[in-house]
Amino acid sequence: MLSEGLRANGRHEEAYSALASVLARIPLLDGVRREEVEIESLGSLTNASYKILAGDAAYVLRLPGDDTWEYIDRRAEEHNSRVAASAGLGAEVLYFDAGSGTMVSRYIPGETLDGSGLARDAGTLVRVARVLRRLHGLGRAFESRFDAFTMIRRCRELLRRSRLRLPAGYADAERGVAAVRRALEASPVPLVPCHNDPWPHNFIDAGGRLYLIDWEFSGMNDPFWDLAHLSTEAGFGPKQDRALMQAYFGGVVPGRFYSRLELYKAAGDLLWSLWGLLQHANGNPADDFLAYARGRLVRCKERMDAPGFERHLEAVRRNPAQTVSLLPLSG
């Protein structure tokens, strides 16, 4: 992994020297003279990403974090990223080495979305909903299957190996999320291509056109996962959830759909809490992942302890056929 100084945007010569061996392996960038290259470090929690200016062209170079091999399928990421790009939803992939996880994509000039701003901007919220609808209606299968409950088990296995002691309350949260899993399994829906990590910073507004970046977790999934994840990460309340769901479905939305949303919010909080603990166990210095993990755990338990949560479980359990019939299966 590159030094923290370089990740924080070090001097040009230091940056070029550190990346020279990587650039030399990329046909697109091999042979570009040092004086023609400018390198800027981009923020990333688990990977190292750089904006590369070479002449008149701009690219993003992504180097994977050392521990990401434990939970990311790079071959599936390549396939899914290229499918998304061909549909105009993601950045063009110019180079991908699935063996090393190194990727070069076309740089998209624009602004990343902000969660609090998105919650206040009804127009952009509608545009985001429509991007997710287009993604879910692609009609082309993604490689790999993203299943939150399988991911939860995988993270627990990895944490068990690390011998990190789980904070108090995890056992209760896992029992509650097991009930969520059973309710969702009783009400299956067709799987569609999903991003699975559509937090606001993964949307780029490029002159009125929205793109989604970072397809590491992408795979076939229940589309309500993407909707719930966006809602959680953007800090939506009931008003924004209604706007999101109505824009996505194109009209009034049955109450049981909001129940499905709430179940996935709880499952997501537990999953990302465990993911945060895994980052902490692996010594990732990018953030205070222990505090992050504890915060997600608290929110997970608060959701499941709320008075109406049992009603959400029952609403999902008893309405499988109606739910399936109204899902968007085409663009």
C-alpha atoms as a PDB file:
ATOM      1  CA  MET A   1       0.000   0.000   0.000  1.00  0.00           C
ATOM      2  CA  LEU A   2       1.243   3.500  -0.767  1.00  0.00           C
ATOM      3  CA  SER A   3       2.368   5.789   1.998  1.00  0.00           C
ATOM      4  CA  GLU A   4      -0.123   7.978   3.824  1.00  0.00           C
ATOM      5  CA  GLY A   5       1.804  11.030   2.604  1.00  0.00           C
ATOM      6  CA  LEU A   6       1.141  10.100  -1.000  1.00  0.00           C
ATOM      7  CA  ARG A   7      -2.495   9.252  -0.307  1.00  0.00           C
ATOM      8  CA  ALA A   8      -2.802  12.770   1.104  1.00  0.00           C
ATOM      9  CA  ASN A   9      -1.528  14.168  -2.232  1.00  0.00           C
ATOM     10  CA  GLY A  10       2.262  14.236  -2.002  1.00  0.00           C
ATOM     11  CA  ARG A  11       4.721  16.059  -4.258  1.00  0.00           C
ATOM     12  CA  HIS A  12       4.664  15.324  -7.975  1.00  0.00           C
ATOM     13  CA  GLU A  13       8.023  13.543  -8.130  1.00  0.00           C
ATOM     14  CA  GLU A  14       7.257  11.397  -5.100  1.00  0.00           C
ATOM     15  CA  ALA A  15       3.854  10.515  -6.476  1.00  0.00           C
ATOM     16  CA  TYR A  16       5.168   9.640  -9.915  1.00  0.00           C
ATOM     17  CA  SER A  17       8.001   7.527  -8.521  1.00  0.00           C
ATOM     18  CA  ALA A  18       5.643   5.580  -6.262  1.00  0.00           C
ATOM     19  CA  LEU A  19       3.228   4.899  -9.116  1.00  0.00           C
ATOM     20  CA  ALA A  20       5.739   4.487 -11.950  1.00  0.00           C
ATOM     21  CA  SER A  21       5.789   0.677 -11.815  1.00  0.00           C
ATOM     22  CA  VAL A  22       1.980   0.579 -11.845  1.00  0.00           C
ATOM     23  CA  LEU A  23       1.715   3.041 -14.749  1.00  0.00           C
ATOM     24  CA  ALA A  24       4.246   1.010 -16.725  1.00  0.00           C
ATOM     25  CA  ARG A  25       1.945  -2.034 -16.599  1.00  0.00           C
ATOM     26  CA  ILE A  26      -0.973  -0.112 -18.091  1.00  0.00           C
ATOM     27  CA  PRO A  27      -0.768   0.057 -21.901  1.00  0.00           C
ATOM     28  CA  LEU A  28      -2.810   3.252 -21.953  1.00  0.00           C
ATOM     29  CA  LEU A  29      -0.257   5.053 -19.753  1.00  0.00           C
ATOM     30  CA  ASP A  30       2.965   3.214 -20.519  1.00  0.00           C
ATOM     31  CA  GLY A  31       5.421   5.478 -22.279  1.00  0.00           C
ATOM     32  CA  VAL A  32       3.848   8.720 -21.118  1.00  0.00           C
ATOM     33  CA  ARG A  33       6.699  11.001 -20.113  1.00  0.00           C
ATOM     34  CA  ARG A  34       7.017  12.016 -16.501  1.00  0.00           C
ATOM     35  CA  GLU A  35       6.723  15.717 -17.278  1.00  0.00           C
ATOM     36  CA  GLU A  36       3.418  15.098 -19.073  1.00  0.00           C
ATOM     37  CA  VAL A  37       1.751  13.485 -16.042  1.00  0.00           C
ATOM     38  CA  GLU A  38      -0.003  15.143 -13.119  1.00  0.00           C
ATOM     39  CA  ILE A  39      -1.217  13.039 -10.194  1.00  0.00           C
ATOM     40  CA  GLU A  40      -3.810  13.992  -7.606  1.00  0.00           C
ATOM     41  CA  SER A  41      -4.837  11.744  -4.733  1.00  0.00           C
ATOM     42  CA  LEU A  42      -8.588  11.185  -4.412  1.00  0.00           C
ATOM     43  CA  GLY A  43     -10.364  10.321  -1.195  1.00  0.00           C
ATOM     44  CA  SER A  44     -11.113   6.667  -0.529  1.00  0.00           C
ATOM     45  CA  LEU A  45     -11.877   4.683   2.611  1.00  0.00           C
ATOM     46  CA  THR A  46     -10.505   1.291   1.572  1.00  0.00           C
ATOM     47  CA  ASN A  47      -8.630   1.748  -1.733  1.00  0.00           C
ATOM     48  CA  ALA A  48      -6.072   4.208  -3.101  1.00  0.00           C
ATOM     49  CA  SER A  49      -7.459   6.276  -5.981  1.00  0.00           C
ATOM     50  CA  TYR A  50      -5.743   8.923  -8.093  1.00  0.00           C
ATOM     51  CA  LYS A  51      -6.706  11.373 -10.776  1.00  0.00           C
ATOM     52  CA  ILE A  52      -4.151  11.047 -13.570  1.00  0.00           C
ATOM     53  CA  LEU A  53      -3.758  13.901 -16.042  1.00  0.00           C
ATOM     54  CA  ALA A  54      -1.772  12.804 -19.102  1.00  0.00           C
ATOM     55  CA  GLY A  55      -1.729  15.448 -21.815  1.00  0.00           C
ATOM     56  CA  ASP A  56      -5.330  16.352 -22.596  1.00  0.00           C
ATOM     57  CA  ALA A  57      -6.768  13.166 -21.087  1.00  0.00           C
ATOM     58  CA  ALA A  58      -7.916  12.578 -17.516  1.00  0.00           C
ATOM     59  CA  TYR A  59      -8.254   9.170 -15.863  1.00  0.00           C
ATOM     60  CA  VAL A  60      -8.892   7.633 -12.462  1.00  0.00           C
ATOM     61  CA  LEU A  61      -6.431   5.000 -11.295  1.00  0.00           C
ATOM     62  CA  ARG A  62      -7.760   2.726  -8.545  1.00  0.00           C
ATOM     63  CA  LEU A  63      -5.448   0.480  -6.547  1.00  0.00           C
ATOM     64  CA  PRO A  64      -7.248  -1.963  -4.226  1.00  0.00           C
ATOM     65  CA  GLY A  65      -6.802  -1.978  -0.479  1.00  0.00           C
ATOM     66  CA  ASP A  66      -4.837  -4.927   0.850  1.00  0.00           C
ATOM     67  CA  ASP A  67      -7.748  -6.468   2.746  1.00  0.00           C
ATOM     68  CA  THR A  68     -10.447  -5.951   0.119  1.00  0.00           C
ATOM     69  CA  TRP A  69      -9.723  -9.359  -1.419  1.00  0.00           C
ATOM     70  CA  GLU A  70     -11.487 -10.855   1.585  1.00  0.00           C
ATOM     71  CA  TYR A  71     -14.892  -9.587   0.478  1.00  0.00           C
ATOM     72  CA  ILE A  72     -14.643  -8.179  -3.083  1.00  0.00           C
ATOM     73  CA  ASP A  73     -14.880 -10.266  -6.267  1.00  0.00           C
ATOM     74  CA  ARG A  74     -12.736  -8.267  -8.686  1.00  0.00           C
ATOM     75  CA  ARG A  75     -13.667 -10.311 -11.758  1.00  0.00           C
ATOM     76  CA  ALA A  76     -17.334  -9.671 -11.110  1.00  0.00           C
ATOM     77  CA  GLU A  77     -16.571  -5.995 -10.488  1.00  0.00           C
ATOM     78  CA  GLU A  78     -14.902  -5.718 -13.894  1.00  0.00           C
ATOM     79  CA  HIS A  79     -17.837  -7.310 -15.706  1.00  0.00           C
ATOM     80  CA  ASN A  80     -20.434  -5.257 -13.856  1.00  0.00           C
ATOM     81  CA  SER A  81     -18.507  -1.995 -14.257  1.00  0.00           C
ATOM     82  CA  ARG A  82     -18.297  -2.511 -18.010  1.00  0.00           C
ATOM     83  CA  VAL A  83     -22.012  -3.331 -18.262  1.00  0.00           C
ATOM     84  CA  ALA A  84     -22.886  -0.203 -16.281  1.00  0.00           C
ATOM     85  CA  ALA A  85     -20.594   1.934 -18.421  1.00  0.00           C
ATOM     86  CA  SER A  86     -22.060   0.580 -21.658  1.00  0.00           C
ATOM     87  CA  ALA A  87     -25.500   1.604 -20.375  1.00  0.00           C
ATOM     88  CA  GLY A  88     -24.297   5.132 -19.659  1.00  0.00           C
ATOM     89  CA  LEU A  89     -24.601   4.672 -15.900  1.00  0.00           C
ATOM     90  CA  GLY A  90     -20.938   4.428 -14.960  1.00  0.00           C
ATOM     91  CA  ALA A  91     -17.510   5.674 -16.020  1.00  0.00           C
ATOM     92  CA  GLU A  92     -15.912   4.044 -19.047  1.00  0.00           C
ATOM     93  CA  VAL A  93     -13.514   1.283 -17.972  1.00  0.00           C
ATOM     94  CA  LEU A  94     -10.272   1.615 -19.916  1.00  0.00           C
ATOM     95  CA  TYR A  95      -8.145  -0.969 -18.131  1.00  0.00           C
ATOM     96  CA  PHE A  96      -8.880  -3.631 -15.550  1.00  0.00           C
ATOM     97  CA  ASP A  97      -6.491  -6.224 -14.181  1.00  0.00           C
ATOM     98  CA  ALA A  98      -8.691  -8.591 -12.187  1.00  0.00           C
ATOM     99  CA  GLY A  99      -5.588 -10.357 -10.873  1.00  0.00           C
ATOM    100  CA  SER A 100      -4.250  -7.268  -9.094  1.00  0.00           C
ATOM    101  CA  GLY A 101      -7.488  -5.300  -8.862  1.00  0.00           C
ATOM    102  CA  THR A 102      -5.935  -2.321 -10.629  1.00  0.00           C
ATOM    103  CA  MET A 103      -8.444  -0.317 -12.657  1.00  0.00           C
ATOM    104  CA  VAL A 104      -8.260   2.741 -14.894  1.00  0.00           C
ATOM    105  CA  SER A 105     -11.477   4.504 -15.822  1.00  0.00           C
ATOM    106  CA  ARG A 106     -12.356   7.684 -17.638  1.00  0.00           C
ATOM    107  CA  TYR A 107     -12.435  10.647 -15.265  1.00  0.00           C
ATOM    108  CA  ILE A 108     -15.890  12.214 -15.010  1.00  0.00           C
ATOM    109  CA  PRO A 109     -15.713  15.948 -14.287  1.00  0.00           C
ATOM    110  CA  GLY A 110     -18.490  16.944 -11.949  1.00  0.00           C
ATOM    111  CA  GLU A 111     -19.604  17.184  -8.348  1.00  0.00           C
ATOM    112  CA  THR A 112     -20.296  14.313  -5.987  1.00  0.00           C
ATOM    113  CA  LEU A 113     -23.658  14.490  -4.285  1.00  0.00           C
ATOM    114  CA  ASP A 114     -23.996  15.343  -0.626  1.00  0.00           C
ATOM    115  CA  GLY A 115     -26.433  13.492   1.618  1.00  0.00           C
ATOM    116  CA  SER A 116     -27.856  16.506   3.431  1.00  0.00           C
ATOM    117  CA  GLY A 117     -28.087  18.437   0.178  1.00  0.00           C
ATOM    118  CA  LEU A 118     -29.818  15.544  -1.528  1.00  0.00           C
ATOM    119  CA  ALA A 119     -32.394  15.370   1.256  1.00  0.00           C
ATOM    120  CA  ARG A 120     -33.257  19.029   0.602  1.00  0.00           C
ATOM    121  CA  ASP A 121     -33.165  18.914  -3.208  1.00  0.00           C
ATOM    122  CA  ALA A 122     -36.329  17.258  -4.470  1.00  0.00           C
ATOM    123  CA  GLY A 123     -35.285  17.535  -8.111  1.00  0.00           C
ATOM    124  CA  THR A 124     -31.966  15.746  -7.635  1.00  0.00           C
ATOM    125  CA  LEU A 125     -33.642  13.113  -5.466  1.00  0.00           C
ATOM    126  CA  VAL A 126     -35.981  12.298  -8.349  1.00  0.00           C
ATOM    127  CA  ARG A 127     -33.027  12.063 -10.737  1.00  0.00           C
ATOM    128  CA  VAL A 128     -31.231   9.679  -8.380  1.00  0.00           C
ATOM    129  CA  ALA A 129     -34.339   7.490  -8.130  1.00  0.00           C
ATOM    130  CA  ARG A 130     -34.516   7.311 -11.905  1.00  0.00           C
ATOM    131  CA  VAL A 131     -30.850   6.300 -12.157  1.00  0.00           C
ATOM    132  CA  LEU A 132     -31.527   3.397  -9.805  1.00  0.00           C
ATOM    133  CA  ARG A 133     -34.624   2.471 -11.772  1.00  0.00           C
ATOM    134  CA  ARG A 134     -32.601   2.404 -15.002  1.00  0.00           C
ATOM    135  CA  LEU A 135     -29.960   0.252 -13.347  1.00  0.00           C
ATOM    136  CA  HIS A 136     -32.474  -2.230 -11.991  1.00  0.00           C
ATOM    137  CA  GLY A 137     -34.180  -2.445 -15.367  1.00  0.00           C
ATOM    138  CA  LEU A 138     -31.044  -3.034 -17.456  1.00  0.00           C
ATOM    139  CA  GLY A 139     -32.148  -6.495 -18.515  1.00  0.00           C
ATOM    140  CA  ARG A 140     -28.539  -7.738 -18.402  1.00  0.00           C
ATOM    141  CA  ALA A 141     -27.377  -9.911 -15.557  1.00  0.00           C
ATOM    142  CA  PHE A 142     -24.517  -8.840 -13.340  1.00  0.00           C
ATOM    143  CA  GLU A 143     -21.972 -11.411 -12.325  1.00  0.00           C
ATOM    144  CA  SER A 144     -22.060 -12.390  -8.671  1.00  0.00           C
ATOM    145  CA  ARG A 145     -24.897 -12.280  -6.168  1.00  0.00           C
ATOM    146  CA  PHE A 146     -24.911  -9.717  -3.402  1.00  0.00           C
ATOM    147  CA  ASP A 147     -26.750 -11.100  -0.395  1.00  0.00           C
ATOM    148  CA  ALA A 148     -26.607  -9.027   2.777  1.00  0.00           C
ATOM    149  CA  PHE A 149     -27.072 -12.026   5.052  1.00  0.00           C
ATOM    150  CA  THR A 150     -24.290 -13.995   3.373  1.00  0.00           C
ATOM    151  CA  MET A 151     -22.089 -10.904   3.703  1.00  0.00           C
ATOM    152  CA  ILE A 152     -22.957 -10.646   7.395  1.00  0.00           C
ATOM    153  CA  ARG A 153     -21.878 -14.260   7.921  1.00  0.00           C
ATOM    154  CA  ARG A 154     -18.685 -13.668   5.937  1.00  0.00           C
ATOM    155  CA  CYS A 155     -17.754 -10.593   7.962  1.00  0.00           C
ATOM    156  CA  ARG A 156     -18.410 -12.498  11.194  1.00  0.00           C
ATOM    157  CA  GLU A 157     -16.083 -15.294  10.033  1.00  0.00           C
ATOM    158  CA  LEU A 158     -13.334 -12.810   9.205  1.00  0.00           C
ATOM    159  CA  LEU A 159     -13.764 -11.047  12.541  1.00  0.00           C
ATOM    160  CA  ARG A 160     -13.656 -14.373  14.368  1.00  0.00           C
ATOM    161  CA  ARG A 161     -10.276 -15.064  12.784  1.00  0.00           C
ATOM    162  CA  SER A 162      -9.037 -11.641  13.866  1.00  0.00           C
ATOM    163  CA  ARG A 163     -10.146 -12.422  17.436  1.00  0.00           C
ATOM    164  CA  LEU A 164     -11.577  -8.939  17.779  1.00  0.00           C
ATOM    165  CA  ARG A 165     -14.096  -8.809  20.598  1.00  0.00           C
ATOM    166  CA  LEU A 166     -17.498  -7.650  19.381  1.00  0.00           C
ATOM    167  CA  PRO A 167     -19.109  -4.743  21.236  1.00  0.00           C
ATOM    168  CA  ALA A 168     -22.024  -5.580  23.539  1.00  0.00           C
ATOM    169  CA  GLY A 169     -25.336  -5.905  21.756  1.00  0.00           C
ATOM    170  CA  TYR A 170     -24.264  -7.744  18.635  1.00  0.00           C
ATOM    171  CA  ALA A 171     -25.935 -11.006  19.606  1.00  0.00           C
ATOM    172  CA  ASP A 172     -29.297  -9.284  20.069  1.00  0.00           C
ATOM    173  CA  ALA A 173     -28.907  -7.413  16.779  1.00  0.00           C
ATOM    174  CA  GLU A 174     -28.066 -10.604  14.913  1.00  0.00           C
ATOM    175  CA  ARG A 175     -31.138 -12.352  16.315  1.00  0.00           C
ATOM    176  CA  GLY A 176     -33.297  -9.454  15.174  1.00  0.00           C
ATOM    177  CA  VAL A 177     -31.777  -9.430  11.694  1.00  0.00           C
ATOM    178  CA  ALA A 178     -32.350 -13.195  11.478  1.00  0.00           C
ATOM    179  CA  ALA A 179     -36.081 -12.428  11.777  1.00  0.00           C
ATOM    180  CA  VAL A 180     -35.669  -9.863   8.996  1.00  0.00           C
ATOM    181  CA  ARG A 181     -34.049 -12.503   6.802  1.00  0.00           C
ATOM    182  CA  ARG A 182     -36.880 -14.955   7.390  1.00  0.00           C
ATOM    183  CA  ALA A 183     -39.509 -12.353   6.511  1.00  0.00           C
ATOM    184  CA  LEU A 184     -37.725 -11.419   3.289  1.00  0.00           C
ATOM    185  CA  GLU A 185     -37.214 -15.059   2.332  1.00  0.00           C
ATOM    186  CA  ALA A 186     -40.965 -15.580   2.731  1.00  0.00           C
ATOM    187  CA  SER A 187     -41.500 -12.712   0.266  1.00  0.00           C
ATOM    188  CA  PRO A 188     -38.944 -13.194  -2.531  1.00  0.00           C
ATOM    189  CA  VAL A 189     -38.634 -10.814  -5.454  1.00  0.00           C
ATOM    190  CA  PRO A 190     -36.864 -11.160  -8.817  1.00  0.00           C
ATOM    191  CA  LEU A 191     -33.187 -10.276  -8.551  1.00  0.00           C
ATOM    192  CA  VAL A 192     -31.949  -7.384 -10.680  1.00  0.00           C
ATOM    193  CA  PRO A 193     -28.580  -5.684 -11.278  1.00  0.00           C
ATOM    194  CA  CYS A 194     -27.833  -3.579  -8.198  1.00  0.00           C
ATOM    195  CA  HIS A 195     -25.046  -1.230  -7.172  1.00  0.00           C
ATOM    196  CA  ASN A 196     -25.418  -2.204  -3.493  1.00  0.00           C
ATOM    197  CA  ASP A 197     -23.482   0.830  -2.197  1.00  0.00           C
ATOM    198  CA  PRO A 198     -25.333   3.836  -3.664  1.00  0.00           C
ATOM    199  CA  TRP A 199     -24.442   6.378  -1.002  1.00  0.00           C
ATOM    200  CA  PRO A 200     -24.530   9.999  -2.213  1.00  0.00           C
ATOM    201  CA  HIS A 201     -20.761  10.304  -2.763  1.00  0.00           C
ATOM    202  CA  ASN A 202     -20.944   7.518  -5.333  1.00  0.00           C
ATOM    203  CA  PHE A 203     -23.135   9.720  -7.532  1.00  0.00           C
ATOM    204  CA  ILE A 204     -21.431  12.304  -9.746  1.00  0.00           C
ATOM    205  CA  ASP A 205     -23.465  15.136 -11.230  1.00  0.00           C
ATOM    206  CA  ALA A 206     -21.759  15.953 -14.519  1.00  0.00           C
ATOM    207  CA  GLY A 207     -23.526  18.917 -16.022  1.00  0.00           C
ATOM    208  CA  GLY A 208     -27.005  17.618 -15.273  1.00  0.00           C
ATOM    209  CA  ARG A 209     -26.244  13.963 -15.992  1.00  0.00           C
ATOM    210  CA  LEU A 210     -25.818  11.588 -13.075  1.00  0.00           C
ATOM    211  CA  TYR A 211     -23.281   8.779 -13.004  1.00  0.00           C
ATOM    212  CA  LEU A 212     -22.693   6.051 -10.424  1.00  0.00           C
ATOM    213  CA  ILE A 213     -19.116   5.115  -9.581  1.00  0.00           C
ATOM    214  CA  ASP A 214     -17.458   2.414  -7.456  1.00  0.00           C
ATOM    215  CA  TRP A 215     -19.066  -0.897  -8.470  1.00  0.00           C
ATOM    216  CA  GLU A 216     -17.089  -3.051  -6.008  1.00  0.00           C
ATOM    217  CA  PHE A 217     -20.160  -4.455  -4.264  1.00  0.00           C
ATOM    218  CA  SER A 218     -22.326  -4.673  -7.378  1.00  0.00           C
ATOM    219  CA  GLY A 219     -24.252  -7.844  -8.120  1.00  0.00           C
ATOM    220  CA  MET A 220     -27.711  -9.293  -8.523  1.00  0.00           C
ATOM    221  CA  ASN A 221     -29.926  -8.375  -5.599  1.00  0.00           C
ATOM    222  CA  ASP A 222     -33.337  -7.260  -4.386  1.00  0.00           C
ATOM    223  CA  PRO A 223     -33.759  -3.674  -5.698  1.00  0.00           C
ATOM    224  CA  PHE A 224     -35.143  -2.554  -2.341  1.00  0.00           C
ATOM    225  CA  TRP A 225     -31.628  -2.957  -0.928  1.00  0.00           C
ATOM    226  CA  ASP A 226     -30.360  -0.087  -3.099  1.00  0.00           C
ATOM    227  CA  LEU A 227     -33.313   2.103  -2.151  1.00  0.00           C
ATOM    228  CA  ALA A 228     -32.867   1.403   1.560  1.00  0.00           C
ATOM    229  CA  HIS A 229     -29.107   1.937   1.428  1.00  0.00           C
ATOM    230  CA  LEU A 230     -29.486   5.291  -0.312  1.00  0.00           C
ATOM    231  CA  SER A 231     -32.107   6.385   2.209  1.00  0.00           C
ATOM    232  CA  THR A 232     -29.917   5.425   5.148  1.00  0.00           C
ATOM    233  CA  GLU A 233     -26.697   6.952   3.833  1.00  0.00           C
ATOM    234  CA  ALA A 234     -28.383  10.207   2.778  1.00  0.00           C
ATOM    235  CA  GLY A 235     -30.119  10.551   6.129  1.00  0.00           C
ATOM    236  CA  PHE A 236     -33.617  10.530   4.653  1.00  0.00           C
ATOM    237  CA  GLY A 237     -36.696  10.880   6.804  1.00  0.00           C
ATOM    238  CA  PRO A 238     -40.253   9.776   5.941  1.00  0.00           C
ATOM    239  CA  LYS A 239     -40.798  12.725   3.592  1.00  0.00           C
ATOM    240  CA  GLN A 240     -37.717  11.950   1.505  1.00  0.00           C
ATOM    241  CA  ASP A 241     -38.485   8.221   1.531  1.00  0.00           C
ATOM    242  CA  ARG A 242     -41.903   8.956   0.050  1.00  0.00           C
ATOM    243  CA  ALA A 243     -40.368  11.167  -2.629  1.00  0.00           C
ATOM    244  CA  LEU A 244     -37.751   8.523  -3.444  1.00  0.00           C
ATOM    245  CA  MET A 245     -40.222   5.661  -3.671  1.00  0.00           C
ATOM    246  CA  GLN A 246     -42.822   7.603  -5.662  1.00  0.00           C
ATOM    247  CA  ALA A 247     -40.191   8.770  -8.148  1.00  0.00           C
ATOM    248  CA  TYR A 248     -38.839   5.239  -8.460  1.00  0.00           C
ATOM    249  CA  PHE A 249     -42.200   3.507  -8.912  1.00  0.00           C
ATOM    250  CA  GLY A 250     -43.861   6.341 -10.771  1.00  0.00           C
ATOM    251  CA  GLY A 251     -46.805   6.900  -8.472  1.00  0.00           C
ATOM    252  CA  VAL A 252     -48.386   6.034  -5.159  1.00  0.00           C
ATOM    253  CA  VAL A 253     -46.540   3.238  -3.360  1.00  0.00           C
ATOM    254  CA  PRO A 254     -48.211   0.550  -1.184  1.00  0.00           C
ATOM    255  CA  GLY A 255     -47.393   0.660   2.506  1.00  0.00           C
ATOM    256  CA  ARG A 256     -45.860  -2.822   2.421  1.00  0.00           C
ATOM    257  CA  PHE A 257     -43.124  -1.461   0.131  1.00  0.00           C
ATOM    258  CA  TYR A 258     -42.074   0.958   2.863  1.00  0.00           C
ATOM    259  CA  SER A 259     -42.021  -1.991   5.264  1.00  0.00           C
ATOM    260  CA  ARG A 260     -39.578  -3.804   2.979  1.00  0.00           C
ATOM    261  CA  LEU A 261     -37.473  -0.644   2.929  1.00  0.00           C
ATOM    262  CA  GLU A 262     -37.370  -0.557   6.739  1.00  0.00           C
ATOM    263  CA  LEU A 263     -36.289  -4.197   6.986  1.00  0.00           C
ATOM    264  CA  TYR A 264     -33.360  -3.609   4.665  1.00  0.00           C
ATOM    265  CA  LYS A 265     -32.343  -0.504   6.596  1.00  0.00           C
ATOM    266  CA  ALA A 266     -31.942  -2.624   9.731  1.00  0.00           C
ATOM    267  CA  ALA A 267     -30.043  -5.362   7.894  1.00  0.00           C
ATOM    268  CA  GLY A 268     -27.823  -2.765   6.263  1.00  0.00           C
ATOM    269  CA  ASP A 269     -26.931  -1.165   9.581  1.00  0.00           C
ATOM    270  CA  LEU A 270     -25.767  -4.524  10.939  1.00  0.00           C
ATOM    271  CA  LEU A 271     -23.805  -5.389   7.799  1.00  0.00           C
ATOM    272  CA  TRP A 272     -21.965  -2.075   7.615  1.00  0.00           C
ATOM    273  CA  SER A 273     -21.332  -2.154  11.350  1.00  0.00           C
ATOM    274  CA  LEU A 274     -19.541  -5.477  10.891  1.00  0.00           C
ATOM    275  CA  TRP A 275     -17.734  -4.081   7.847  1.00  0.00           C
ATOM    276  CA  GLY A 276     -16.561  -1.152   9.969  1.00  0.00           C
ATOM    277  CA  LEU A 277     -15.277  -3.545  12.629  1.00  0.00           C
ATOM    278  CA  LEU A 278     -13.405  -5.427   9.931  1.00  0.00           C
ATOM    279  CA  GLN A 279     -11.719  -2.194   8.808  1.00  0.00           C
ATOM    280  CA  HIS A 280     -10.814  -1.497  12.435  1.00  0.00           C
ATOM    281  CA  ALA A 281      -9.422  -5.008  12.888  1.00  0.00           C
ATOM    282  CA  ASN A 282      -7.319  -4.618   9.740  1.00  0.00           C
ATOM    283  CA  GLY A 283      -5.860  -1.326  10.959  1.00  0.00           C
ATOM    284  CA  ASN A 284      -7.379   0.873   8.248  1.00  0.00           C
ATOM    285  CA  PRO A 285      -6.338   4.433   9.226  1.00  0.00           C
ATOM    286  CA  ALA A 286      -8.773   6.244   6.913  1.00  0.00           C
ATOM    287  CA  ASP A 287     -11.407   6.789   9.605  1.00  0.00           C
ATOM    288  CA  ASP A 288     -12.433   5.931  13.160  1.00  0.00           C
ATOM    289  CA  PHE A 289     -14.073   2.691  12.098  1.00  0.00           C
ATOM    290  CA  LEU A 290     -14.685   1.489  15.655  1.00  0.00           C
ATOM    291  CA  ALA A 291     -16.864   4.519  16.383  1.00  0.00           C
ATOM    292  CA  TYR A 292     -18.549   4.078  13.014  1.00  0.00           C
ATOM    293  CA  ALA A 293     -19.297   0.417  13.733  1.00  0.00           C
ATOM    294  CA  ARG A 294     -20.715   1.175  17.164  1.00  0.00           C
ATOM    295  CA  GLY A 295     -22.919   3.914  15.737  1.00  0.00           C
ATOM    296  CA  ARG A 296     -24.355   1.612  13.094  1.00  0.00           C
ATOM    297  CA  LEU A 297     -25.025  -1.054  15.700  1.00  0.00           C
ATOM    298  CA  VAL A 298     -26.922   1.403  17.893  1.00  0.00           C
ATOM    299  CA  ARG A 299     -29.027   2.512  14.947  1.00  0.00           C
ATOM    300  CA  CYS A 300     -29.736  -1.095  13.939  1.00  0.00           C
ATOM    301  CA  LYS A 301     -31.056  -1.887  17.409  1.00  0.00           C
ATOM    302  CA  GLU A 302     -33.079   1.337  17.533  1.00  0.00           C
ATOM    303  CA  ARG A 303     -34.792   0.429  14.280  1.00  0.00           C
ATOM    304  CA  MET A 304     -35.694  -3.064  15.440  1.00  0.00           C
ATOM    305  CA  ASP A 305     -36.807  -1.869  18.889  1.00  0.00           C
ATOM    306  CA  ALA A 306     -39.145   0.741  17.386  1.00  0.00           C
ATOM    307  CA  PRO A 307     -42.858   0.084  18.104  1.00  0.00           C
ATOM    308  CA  GLY A 308     -43.797  -0.460  14.452  1.00  0.00           C
ATOM    309  CA  PHE A 309     -41.027  -2.863  13.488  1.00  0.00           C
ATOM    310  CA  GLU A 310     -43.051  -6.023  14.108  1.00  0.00           C
ATOM    311  CA  ARG A 311     -45.714  -4.578  11.849  1.00  0.00           C
ATOM    312  CA  HIS A 312     -43.116  -4.170   9.098  1.00  0.00           C
ATOM    313  CA  LEU A 313     -42.040  -7.797   9.501  1.00  0.00           C
ATOM    314  CA  GLU A 314     -45.621  -9.004   9.221  1.00  0.00           C
ATOM    315  CA  ALA A 315     -46.421  -6.772   6.242  1.00  0.00           C
ATOM    316  CA  VAL A 316     -43.505  -8.232   4.283  1.00  0.00           C
ATOM    317  CA  ARG A 317     -44.168 -11.836   5.334  1.00  0.00           C
ATOM    318  CA  ARG A 318     -47.791 -11.856   4.194  1.00  0.00           C
ATOM    319  CA  ASN A 319     -47.503 -10.079   0.818  1.00  0.00           C
ATOM    320  CA  PRO A 320     -45.055 -11.917  -1.473  1.00  0.00           C
ATOM    321  CA  ALA A 321     -47.167 -12.090  -4.639  1.00  0.00           C
ATOM    322  CA  GLN A 322     -48.310  -8.483  -4.650  1.00  0.00           C
ATOM    323  CA  THR A 323     -44.782  -7.258  -4.042  1.00  0.00           C
ATOM    324  CA  VAL A 324     -43.371  -9.181  -6.977  1.00  0.00           C
ATOM    325  CA  SER A 325     -46.038  -7.993  -9.379  1.00  0.00           C
ATOM    326  CA  LEU A 326     -45.202  -4.322  -8.926  1.00  0.00           C
ATOM    327  CA  LEU A 327     -41.420  -4.425  -9.140  1.00  0.00           C
ATOM    328  CA  PRO A 328     -39.801  -2.581 -12.080  1.00  0.00           C
ATOM    329  CA  LEU A 329     -38.488  -5.313 -14.348  1.00  0.00           C
ATOM    330  CA  SER A 330     -37.734  -3.134 -17.370  1.00  0.00           C
ATOM    331  CA  GLY A 331     -36.203   0.243 -17.988  1.00  0.00           C
END
